[in-house]
Amino acid sequence: MYKILLIVQIVISSLLVISILLQNRAEGLGKMFGGGGEVFRTKRGLEKFLYYFTIALIVILVVISLTLLKLAD
């Protein structure tokens, strides 16, 4: 069981890295200093799916990590 969870954790971590890299990286340092005219923009389609998919992967990764910690004792 422990080895299976370790493999699942590695797969989830890889998926998390990929989903973070696929996020919209259009925001640069210009917005931090007042540049860029967009004040608010809603997420649609694939961008919205990636956003929620990333959150779900983070929650799953935390649960698996805590489970592995509990099994290690």
C-alpha atoms as a PDB file:
ATOM      1  CA  MET A   1       0.000   0.000   0.000  1.00  0.00           C
ATOM      2  CA  TYR A   2       2.818   2.382   0.899  1.00  0.00           C
ATOM      3  CA  LYS A   3       4.603   1.888  -2.428  1.00  0.00           C
ATOM      4  CA  ILE A   4       1.389   2.404  -4.386  1.00  0.00           C
ATOM      5  CA  LEU A   5       0.739   5.687  -2.583  1.00  0.00           C
ATOM      6  CA  LEU A   6       4.301   6.806  -3.291  1.00  0.00           C
ATOM      7  CA  ILE A   7       3.826   6.155  -7.007  1.00  0.00           C
ATOM      8  CA  VAL A   8       0.461   7.962  -6.960  1.00  0.00           C
ATOM      9  CA  GLN A   9       2.108  10.897  -5.189  1.00  0.00           C
ATOM     10  CA  ILE A  10       4.788  11.132  -7.886  1.00  0.00           C
ATOM     11  CA  VAL A  11       2.164  11.022 -10.650  1.00  0.00           C
ATOM     12  CA  ILE A  12       0.010  13.676  -8.933  1.00  0.00           C
ATOM     13  CA  SER A  13       3.077  15.882  -8.427  1.00  0.00           C
ATOM     14  CA  SER A  14       3.979  15.615 -12.112  1.00  0.00           C
ATOM     15  CA  LEU A  15       0.414  16.447 -13.153  1.00  0.00           C
ATOM     16  CA  LEU A  16       0.435  19.415 -10.780  1.00  0.00           C
ATOM     17  CA  VAL A  17       3.649  20.801 -12.281  1.00  0.00           C
ATOM     18  CA  ILE A  18       2.245  20.409 -15.799  1.00  0.00           C
ATOM     19  CA  SER A  19      -1.062  22.049 -14.914  1.00  0.00           C
ATOM     20  CA  ILE A  20       0.715  24.992 -13.264  1.00  0.00           C
ATOM     21  CA  LEU A  21       2.938  25.448 -16.305  1.00  0.00           C
ATOM     22  CA  LEU A  22      -0.123  25.464 -18.574  1.00  0.00           C
ATOM     23  CA  GLN A  23      -1.758  28.287 -16.634  1.00  0.00           C
ATOM     24  CA  ASN A  24      -2.051  31.658 -18.326  1.00  0.00           C
ATOM     25  CA  ARG A  25       1.251  33.447 -17.789  1.00  0.00           C
ATOM     26  CA  ALA A  26       0.194  36.724 -19.386  1.00  0.00           C
ATOM     27  CA  GLU A  27       0.492  38.620 -16.120  1.00  0.00           C
ATOM     28  CA  GLY A  28       3.909  40.140 -15.818  1.00  0.00           C
ATOM     29  CA  LEU A  29       5.565  42.652 -13.543  1.00  0.00           C
ATOM     30  CA  GLY A  30       3.844  45.447 -15.461  1.00  0.00           C
ATOM     31  CA  LYS A  31       0.557  44.800 -13.693  1.00  0.00           C
ATOM     32  CA  MET A  32       2.249  44.982 -10.337  1.00  0.00           C
ATOM     33  CA  PHE A  33       3.311  48.555 -11.056  1.00  0.00           C
ATOM     34  CA  GLY A  34      -0.037  49.673 -12.434  1.00  0.00           C
ATOM     35  CA  GLY A  35       0.378  48.676 -16.059  1.00  0.00           C
ATOM     36  CA  GLY A  36      -2.072  46.601 -18.087  1.00  0.00           C
ATOM     37  CA  GLY A  37      -5.598  47.905 -18.508  1.00  0.00           C
ATOM     38  CA  GLU A  38      -7.407  44.759 -17.372  1.00  0.00           C
ATOM     39  CA  VAL A  39      -8.970  45.129 -13.961  1.00  0.00           C
ATOM     40  CA  PHE A  40     -11.128  42.012 -13.889  1.00  0.00           C
ATOM     41  CA  ARG A  41     -11.453  39.099 -16.259  1.00  0.00           C
ATOM     42  CA  THR A  42     -13.400  35.881 -15.792  1.00  0.00           C
ATOM     43  CA  LYS A  43     -11.930  32.496 -16.500  1.00  0.00           C
ATOM     44  CA  ARG A  44     -13.616  30.568 -19.284  1.00  0.00           C
ATOM     45  CA  GLY A  45     -13.267  27.200 -20.935  1.00  0.00           C
ATOM     46  CA  LEU A  46      -9.928  25.473 -20.629  1.00  0.00           C
ATOM     47  CA  GLU A  47      -8.513  28.190 -18.373  1.00  0.00           C
ATOM     48  CA  LYS A  48     -11.309  27.616 -15.839  1.00  0.00           C
ATOM     49  CA  PHE A  49     -10.871  23.835 -16.053  1.00  0.00           C
ATOM     50  CA  LEU A  50      -7.117  24.111 -15.450  1.00  0.00           C
ATOM     51  CA  TYR A  51      -7.720  26.402 -12.480  1.00  0.00           C
ATOM     52  CA  TYR A  52     -10.069  23.972 -10.734  1.00  0.00           C
ATOM     53  CA  PHE A  53      -8.008  20.955 -11.819  1.00  0.00           C
ATOM     54  CA  THR A  54      -4.926  22.506 -10.194  1.00  0.00           C
ATOM     55  CA  ILE A  55      -6.809  23.122  -6.947  1.00  0.00           C
ATOM     56  CA  ALA A  56      -8.098  19.539  -6.934  1.00  0.00           C
ATOM     57  CA  LEU A  57      -4.589  18.184  -7.521  1.00  0.00           C
ATOM     58  CA  ILE A  58      -3.237  20.243  -4.622  1.00  0.00           C
ATOM     59  CA  VAL A  59      -5.902  18.891  -2.268  1.00  0.00           C
ATOM     60  CA  ILE A  60      -5.279  15.305  -3.413  1.00  0.00           C
ATOM     61  CA  LEU A  61      -1.517  15.742  -3.020  1.00  0.00           C
ATOM     62  CA  VAL A  62      -1.895  17.060   0.531  1.00  0.00           C
ATOM     63  CA  VAL A  63      -4.207  14.179   1.499  1.00  0.00           C
ATOM     64  CA  ILE A  64      -1.848  11.581   0.032  1.00  0.00           C
ATOM     65  CA  SER A  65       1.164  13.205   1.714  1.00  0.00           C
ATOM     66  CA  LEU A  66      -0.544  13.192   5.092  1.00  0.00           C
ATOM     67  CA  THR A  67      -1.608   9.573   4.581  1.00  0.00           C
ATOM     68  CA  LEU A  68       1.964   8.586   3.748  1.00  0.00           C
ATOM     69  CA  LEU A  69       3.179  10.408   6.845  1.00  0.00           C
ATOM     70  CA  LYS A  70       0.691   8.502   8.979  1.00  0.00           C
ATOM     71  CA  LEU A  71       1.672   5.148   7.397  1.00  0.00           C
ATOM     72  CA  ALA A  72       5.387   5.811   7.905  1.00  0.00           C
ATOM     73  CA  ASP A  73       5.064   5.626  11.695  1.00  0.00           C
END
